[in-house]
Protein backbone atom coordinates (compact mmCIF):
# COMPACT_ATOMS: atom_id res chain seq x y z
CA MET A 1 -85.69 -42.75 23.11
CA SER A 2 -86.56 -45.66 20.80
CA SER A 3 -84.44 -48.75 20.26
CA ALA A 4 -86.00 -50.42 17.27
CA ARG A 5 -88.40 -50.14 14.42
CA GLY A 6 -90.47 -52.74 12.56
CA SER A 7 -92.91 -55.45 13.50
CA GLY A 8 -90.41 -58.30 13.89
CA ALA A 9 -88.21 -59.17 16.88
CA SER A 10 -86.23 -56.33 18.26
CA PRO A 11 -82.68 -56.14 16.62
CA VAL A 12 -79.76 -57.00 18.78
CA ASN A 13 -76.38 -55.24 18.57
CA PRO A 14 -73.75 -58.00 17.54
CA GLY A 15 -71.32 -56.51 20.07
CA ALA A 16 -68.14 -58.64 20.32
CA LYS A 17 -69.48 -61.01 17.54
CA ALA A 18 -69.22 -58.15 14.96
CA LYS A 19 -66.64 -58.63 12.14
CA GLU A 20 -67.28 -55.52 10.10
CA VAL A 21 -68.40 -52.18 11.52
CA LEU A 22 -68.84 -48.80 9.86
CA VAL A 23 -68.64 -45.39 11.59
CA ILE A 24 -69.78 -42.31 9.61
CA LYS A 25 -68.46 -38.89 10.67
CA LEU A 26 -67.74 -36.44 7.83
CA SER A 27 -67.16 -33.06 9.55
CA ALA A 28 -66.77 -30.41 10.97
CA LEU A 29 -63.56 -30.32 13.00
CA GLY A 30 -65.19 -29.55 16.36
CA ASP A 31 -67.88 -32.16 15.81
CA PHE A 32 -65.38 -34.75 14.71
CA VAL A 33 -63.21 -34.29 17.77
CA LEU A 34 -66.23 -34.29 20.07
CA ALA A 35 -67.24 -37.66 18.54
CA LEU A 36 -63.94 -39.29 19.54
CA GLY A 37 -65.42 -40.57 22.80
CA ALA A 38 -68.28 -42.33 20.94
CA MET A 39 -65.78 -43.67 18.44
CA ARG A 40 -63.71 -45.13 21.30
CA ALA A 41 -66.81 -46.73 22.79
CA VAL A 42 -67.53 -48.44 19.44
CA ARG A 43 -63.98 -49.68 19.35
CA GLU A 44 -64.28 -51.16 22.89
CA PHE A 45 -67.67 -52.66 22.17
CA HIS A 46 -66.55 -54.45 19.02
CA PRO A 47 -63.04 -55.56 20.01
CA SER A 48 -62.52 -58.05 17.26
CA ALA A 49 -64.20 -56.22 14.42
CA ARG A 50 -62.52 -54.40 11.51
CA ILE A 51 -63.79 -50.86 12.02
CA THR A 52 -64.04 -48.63 9.03
CA LEU A 53 -64.44 -44.79 9.28
CA LEU A 54 -66.20 -43.02 6.42
CA THR A 55 -65.16 -39.41 6.54
CA THR A 56 -63.76 -36.61 4.36
CA PRO A 57 -60.15 -35.60 3.30
CA PRO A 58 -59.38 -32.99 6.00
CA TYR A 59 -59.52 -35.68 8.75
CA GLU A 60 -57.77 -38.52 6.91
CA GLU A 61 -54.29 -38.25 8.56
CA PHE A 62 -55.75 -37.61 12.09
CA ALA A 63 -58.11 -40.60 11.65
CA ARG A 64 -55.46 -43.01 10.31
CA THR A 65 -53.32 -42.23 13.40
CA CYS A 66 -56.29 -42.64 15.76
CA PRO A 67 -56.28 -46.04 17.40
CA TYR A 68 -60.01 -46.66 16.90
CA PHE A 69 -60.04 -47.49 13.15
CA ASP A 70 -58.57 -50.13 10.93
CA VAL A 71 -59.67 -48.56 7.65
CA VAL A 72 -60.31 -44.85 6.77
CA GLU A 73 -62.25 -44.00 3.63
CA THR A 74 -62.54 -40.28 2.66
CA ASP A 75 -65.25 -40.21 -0.04
CA GLY A 76 -68.05 -39.60 2.43
CA ARG A 77 -69.17 -36.54 0.46
CA PRO A 78 -69.01 -37.74 -3.19
CA GLU A 79 -69.54 -35.21 -5.96
CA GLY A 80 -71.85 -36.26 -8.73
CA LEU A 81 -74.07 -39.22 -9.33
CA LYS A 82 -71.38 -41.58 -10.52
CA ALA A 83 -69.26 -41.15 -7.39
CA THR A 84 -72.30 -41.37 -5.14
CA ASN A 85 -73.34 -44.64 -6.71
CA ALA A 86 -69.83 -45.99 -6.41
CA LEU A 87 -69.85 -45.20 -2.73
CA LEU A 88 -73.22 -46.79 -2.03
CA SER A 89 -72.24 -49.86 -4.01
CA ARG A 90 -69.09 -50.31 -2.01
CA LEU A 91 -71.01 -49.82 1.30
CA ARG A 92 -73.58 -52.39 0.20
CA LYS A 93 -70.97 -54.99 -0.77
CA ALA A 94 -69.14 -54.55 2.46
CA LYS A 95 -72.14 -56.08 4.39
CA TYR A 96 -71.28 -54.39 7.67
CA ASP A 97 -72.68 -56.04 10.75
CA ILE A 98 -73.67 -52.59 12.02
CA ILE A 99 -73.30 -48.99 10.89
CA TYR A 100 -73.04 -46.02 13.32
CA ASP A 101 -74.06 -42.75 11.79
CA PHE A 102 -72.55 -40.09 13.91
CA GLN A 103 -73.20 -37.38 11.26
CA THR A 104 -76.91 -37.84 11.27
CA SER A 105 -77.42 -35.36 8.38
CA GLY A 106 -79.79 -35.30 5.46
CA ARG A 107 -76.99 -36.84 3.36
CA THR A 108 -76.42 -39.75 5.64
CA ARG A 109 -80.16 -40.34 6.05
CA ASN A 110 -80.28 -40.69 2.33
CA TYR A 111 -77.48 -43.18 2.46
CA TYR A 112 -79.55 -45.36 4.75
CA SER A 113 -82.67 -45.00 2.56
CA VAL A 114 -80.78 -46.04 -0.57
CA LEU A 115 -79.02 -48.98 1.19
CA SER A 116 -82.36 -50.30 2.46
CA ARG A 117 -83.95 -50.63 -0.95
CA GLY A 118 -84.71 -53.88 -2.45
CA GLY A 119 -83.40 -56.02 0.35
CA LYS A 120 -82.53 -56.29 3.97
CA ALA A 121 -81.88 -52.92 5.65
CA PRO A 122 -78.39 -52.59 7.27
CA LEU A 123 -78.31 -52.63 11.10
CA TRP A 124 -78.09 -48.85 11.57
CA SER A 125 -77.65 -46.57 14.52
CA GLY A 126 -78.70 -42.99 13.83
CA HIS A 127 -81.54 -40.52 13.31
CA HIS A 128 -83.77 -42.36 10.75
CA GLU A 129 -87.24 -43.43 11.68
CA LYS A 130 -86.72 -46.85 10.06
CA ALA A 131 -83.37 -47.50 11.54
CA ALA A 132 -82.95 -50.52 13.83
CA PHE A 133 -81.56 -48.19 16.56
CA PHE A 134 -83.36 -44.90 16.06
CA HIS A 135 -82.33 -42.02 18.29
CA ASP A 136 -85.60 -40.18 18.32
CA ASN A 137 -85.13 -37.83 21.24
CA PRO A 138 -87.07 -34.69 20.12
CA ALA A 139 -84.51 -32.52 22.08
CA ARG A 140 -81.47 -34.01 20.34
CA ALA A 141 -80.78 -30.94 18.23
CA GLY A 142 -80.19 -28.91 21.35
CA MET A 143 -78.00 -31.42 23.12
CA HIS A 144 -74.23 -31.18 23.35
CA SER A 145 -72.60 -33.42 20.80
CA ILE A 146 -70.95 -35.62 23.56
CA ASP A 147 -74.36 -36.09 25.28
CA ARG A 148 -76.27 -36.65 22.05
CA LEU A 149 -73.90 -39.34 20.88
CA ALA A 150 -73.80 -41.07 24.27
CA GLU A 151 -77.61 -41.28 24.15
CA GLN A 152 -77.50 -42.54 20.56
CA LEU A 153 -75.16 -45.35 21.69
CA GLU A 154 -77.38 -46.20 24.62
CA VAL A 155 -80.19 -46.79 22.13
CA ALA A 156 -77.91 -49.09 20.19
CA GLY A 157 -76.98 -50.97 23.31
CA VAL A 158 -73.45 -49.61 23.56
CA ALA A 159 -73.43 -48.53 27.25
CA PRO A 160 -72.63 -50.16 30.57
CA GLN A 161 -75.73 -51.84 31.86
CA GLY A 162 -77.79 -49.98 29.18
CA ARG A 163 -76.78 -46.41 29.87
CA TRP A 164 -74.17 -43.98 31.03
CA LEU A 165 -75.02 -42.24 34.30
CA GLY A 166 -74.47 -38.42 34.75
CA LYS A 167 -71.27 -37.33 33.16
CA SER A 168 -69.88 -40.85 32.79
CA GLY A 169 -70.54 -40.98 29.09
CA PRO A 170 -67.89 -41.56 26.44
CA PHE A 171 -65.65 -38.45 26.78
CA PRO A 172 -63.19 -37.62 24.04
CA ASP A 173 -59.56 -38.47 24.83
CA LEU A 174 -56.68 -37.03 22.96
CA GLY A 175 -53.94 -38.67 25.07
CA TRP A 176 -53.09 -41.10 22.25
CA VAL A 177 -51.69 -38.43 20.04
CA ARG A 178 -48.16 -38.05 21.57
CA PRO A 179 -47.57 -41.83 22.21
CA LYS A 180 -48.73 -42.67 18.68
CA LEU A 181 -46.52 -40.15 17.04
CA GLY A 182 -43.52 -40.61 19.32
CA ASP A 183 -41.16 -38.04 20.89
CA THR A 184 -40.73 -36.05 17.76
CA PRO A 185 -39.38 -32.50 17.74
CA ARG A 186 -42.32 -31.18 15.72
CA LEU A 187 -44.58 -31.71 18.64
CA SER A 188 -42.59 -29.41 20.86
CA PRO A 189 -43.21 -25.63 21.29
CA ALA A 190 -39.44 -25.17 20.61
CA TYR A 191 -39.96 -26.41 17.15
CA PHE A 192 -41.81 -23.12 16.54
CA GLY A 193 -39.35 -21.06 18.53
CA ILE A 194 -41.68 -20.83 21.46
CA GLN A 195 -40.44 -20.81 25.06
CA LYS A 196 -42.56 -21.48 28.00
CA PRO A 197 -44.79 -20.01 29.53
CA TYR A 198 -47.09 -19.42 26.65
CA MET A 199 -50.85 -19.41 25.94
CA LEU A 200 -52.98 -19.96 22.87
CA LEU A 201 -55.29 -17.40 21.23
CA ILE A 202 -57.85 -18.99 18.90
CA PRO A 203 -59.71 -15.98 17.30
CA GLY A 204 -61.27 -17.81 14.35
CA ALA A 205 -64.78 -19.24 13.70
CA SER A 206 -66.49 -20.72 10.66
CA GLU A 207 -66.53 -18.39 7.69
CA HIS A 208 -70.28 -18.30 7.80
CA ARG A 209 -70.38 -17.38 11.52
CA GLU A 210 -68.71 -13.95 11.51
CA ALA A 211 -70.83 -12.88 14.41
CA LYS A 212 -69.10 -15.51 16.61
CA ARG A 213 -65.68 -13.73 16.27
CA TRP A 214 -64.47 -11.50 19.08
CA PRO A 215 -63.16 -8.25 17.64
CA VAL A 216 -59.44 -8.26 16.82
CA GLU A 217 -58.79 -5.14 18.73
CA ASN A 218 -60.09 -6.89 21.84
CA TYR A 219 -57.77 -9.92 21.28
CA ALA A 220 -54.86 -7.39 20.84
CA GLU A 221 -55.65 -5.72 24.23
CA LEU A 222 -55.95 -9.08 25.83
CA ALA A 223 -52.62 -10.13 24.30
CA LYS A 224 -50.93 -7.09 25.68
CA ARG A 225 -52.13 -7.87 29.22
CA ILE A 226 -50.97 -11.45 28.89
CA ALA A 227 -47.58 -10.52 27.48
CA ASP A 228 -47.10 -7.98 30.28
CA LEU A 229 -47.25 -10.99 32.65
CA GLY A 230 -44.33 -12.66 30.87
CA ILE A 231 -46.58 -15.19 29.10
CA THR A 232 -46.15 -15.34 25.26
CA PRO A 233 -49.53 -15.12 23.43
CA VAL A 234 -49.48 -17.53 20.52
CA VAL A 235 -52.20 -17.25 17.87
CA ILE A 236 -53.29 -20.37 15.87
CA GLY A 237 -55.72 -20.91 13.15
CA GLY A 238 -56.14 -21.60 9.43
CA LYS A 239 -55.88 -19.46 6.25
CA ALA A 240 -59.09 -17.62 7.16
CA GLU A 241 -57.40 -16.20 10.24
CA SER A 242 -54.34 -14.84 8.48
CA ALA A 243 -55.51 -11.25 8.31
CA ILE A 244 -56.57 -11.49 12.01
CA ALA A 245 -53.12 -12.82 13.02
CA GLN A 246 -51.30 -10.10 11.03
CA GLU A 247 -53.40 -7.36 12.73
CA LEU A 248 -52.70 -8.93 16.12
CA VAL A 249 -48.97 -8.97 15.63
CA LYS A 250 -49.11 -5.40 14.23
CA ARG A 251 -50.96 -4.17 17.34
CA GLU A 252 -48.98 -6.29 19.81
CA PRO A 253 -45.51 -7.35 18.52
CA ARG A 254 -45.08 -9.84 21.39
CA VAL A 255 -47.71 -12.11 19.81
CA LYS A 256 -46.31 -15.09 18.05
CA SER A 257 -48.34 -16.19 15.01
CA LEU A 258 -48.52 -19.90 14.06
CA VAL A 259 -51.55 -19.34 11.81
CA THR A 260 -51.48 -21.97 8.88
CA ARG A 261 -48.39 -23.59 10.43
CA THR A 262 -49.95 -26.21 12.74
CA ASP A 263 -51.61 -29.45 11.94
CA LEU A 264 -54.17 -31.13 14.13
CA PHE A 265 -51.60 -33.12 16.09
CA GLN A 266 -49.61 -29.95 16.89
CA ILE A 267 -52.69 -28.16 18.11
CA VAL A 268 -53.14 -30.97 20.63
CA THR A 269 -49.48 -31.09 21.85
CA LEU A 270 -49.26 -27.24 21.97
CA ALA A 271 -52.38 -27.17 24.12
CA GLU A 272 -51.02 -29.81 26.49
CA THR A 273 -48.30 -27.50 27.67
CA ALA A 274 -50.05 -24.14 27.29
CA VAL A 275 -50.78 -22.11 30.46
CA PHE A 276 -54.30 -21.47 29.17
CA VAL A 277 -56.25 -20.91 25.93
CA VAL A 278 -58.82 -18.25 24.94
CA GLY A 279 -60.97 -18.58 21.84
CA ASN A 280 -64.25 -18.50 20.01
CA ASP A 281 -66.53 -21.41 19.26
CA THR A 282 -64.33 -23.31 16.72
CA GLY A 283 -62.81 -26.62 16.19
CA PRO A 284 -59.28 -25.92 17.44
CA MET A 285 -60.76 -24.50 20.67
CA HIS A 286 -62.55 -27.83 21.23
CA MET A 287 -59.25 -29.65 20.59
CA ALA A 288 -57.28 -27.38 22.96
CA THR A 289 -59.67 -27.85 25.95
CA LEU A 290 -60.02 -31.58 25.34
CA ALA A 291 -56.17 -31.79 25.31
CA GLY A 292 -56.21 -30.42 28.92
CA ALA A 293 -55.51 -26.70 28.49
CA PRO A 294 -57.60 -24.53 30.92
CA GLY A 295 -59.86 -22.72 28.53
CA ILE A 296 -61.91 -19.53 28.27
CA ALA A 297 -64.60 -19.84 25.58
CA LEU A 298 -66.32 -16.73 24.29
CA PHE A 299 -70.05 -16.76 23.49
CA ALA A 300 -72.77 -14.14 23.20
CA LEU A 301 -75.86 -13.87 25.32
CA THR A 302 -77.84 -14.21 22.11
CA GLU A 303 -76.80 -17.85 22.02
CA SER A 304 -79.95 -19.53 23.33
CA ASN A 305 -78.02 -22.42 24.81
CA PRO A 306 -74.28 -22.07 24.52
CA ASP A 307 -73.64 -25.20 26.50
CA HIS A 308 -74.88 -27.29 23.53
CA SER A 309 -71.88 -26.44 21.53
CA ALA A 310 -69.43 -25.10 24.16
CA PRO A 311 -65.98 -26.68 24.47
CA ARG A 312 -65.59 -29.13 27.31
CA GLY A 313 -62.41 -29.86 29.18
CA PRO A 314 -60.99 -30.37 32.68
CA LYS A 315 -61.13 -26.66 33.26
CA THR A 316 -63.19 -24.60 30.92
CA VAL A 317 -64.95 -21.29 31.64
CA ILE A 318 -67.79 -20.06 29.31
CA VAL A 319 -67.95 -16.26 29.09
CA ASN A 320 -71.25 -15.00 27.83
CA SER A 321 -71.89 -11.80 29.62
CA ALA A 322 -72.79 -9.50 26.62
CA PRO A 323 -75.61 -9.57 24.04
CA THR A 324 -73.08 -9.97 21.18
CA LEU A 325 -69.35 -10.81 20.99
CA LYS A 326 -68.70 -7.24 19.84
CA GLU A 327 -69.98 -6.04 23.14
CA LEU A 328 -68.09 -8.49 25.24
CA SER A 329 -65.36 -6.39 27.00
CA VAL A 330 -61.70 -7.25 27.59
CA ASP A 331 -62.32 -6.70 31.29
CA ASP A 332 -65.00 -9.48 31.19
CA VAL A 333 -62.54 -11.93 29.73
CA TRP A 334 -59.71 -10.73 32.01
CA GLN A 335 -61.85 -11.52 34.98
CA SER A 336 -62.19 -15.07 33.68
CA VAL A 337 -58.36 -15.28 33.29
CA ARG A 338 -58.13 -14.26 36.88
CA ALA A 339 -60.75 -16.85 37.91
CA LEU A 340 -58.75 -19.72 36.35
CA GLY A 341 -56.14 -19.12 38.99
CA ILE A 342 -53.28 -20.17 36.71
CA ALA A 343 -51.73 -16.85 35.85
CA PRO A 344 -50.11 -14.34 38.24
CA VAL A 345 -52.83 -11.66 37.74
């Protein structure tokens, strides 16, 4: 890891003296949620600063409720030259004391390059060779998001005594959701007509990652076994999972579908009181396990390092006992349900 670039004195993180701080995190849902621990660490390290988040519209409401930010801007992926220039002009005029790039994409590298032209470069934490705090670990692409961001913050001086030891790094916490929103009925399972006990099925995956979806017939058979125990299977997801949910309900009528009906806050609070959750590598799965639900995450053996993107939570089991998800049997997953020790199986 490297902490600075340039021939002058090593840069120093302004810490508690910072007045204006920018955090950049544009997407995707799973990555955004996994970055919450690093975002909290930035908030705690700059207690008096006005912290701005640069993100995209899908995360606006969630970010505005999150206690780590004072300002949320959603034009992090501007379309067209005019909008891009407007964004960069605004960032330049803001004169942030430090910028934390948690997206570290080609786009955000370009933002740094443009902001550095013709004047003093902003104090920047990210993956750019000229950044003041350059996270240059060659293995960073294969690291779990939580570990990668923890190491990036170590480089920037945001860590107890220089670094986090072992698993002590900034772990995402979703415990703020219910206190921030209050005891509103919409956060209760009963709001959806669901009675306890219930569990969550999360069969979706990114549209371009079809191979990461477990077959619907397997989810249906798993749902049948779960329902036979007196536990209601509840399927959640977005519009892309509508057809899967319809097929699940058709095959197993005891399944309750909440597909397209839950927002991000409701995913968290449903997970908090679920018996357990089973799902593919997708954003809501990360949210559910981080919210505390015992989780079974499905991966294929062809994933070279599933741990680098696997959900993390207090009690999460990774199932990757078949070459592809199509070959992963219901019995394999059922064994993991038994191993959790939280269902009478």
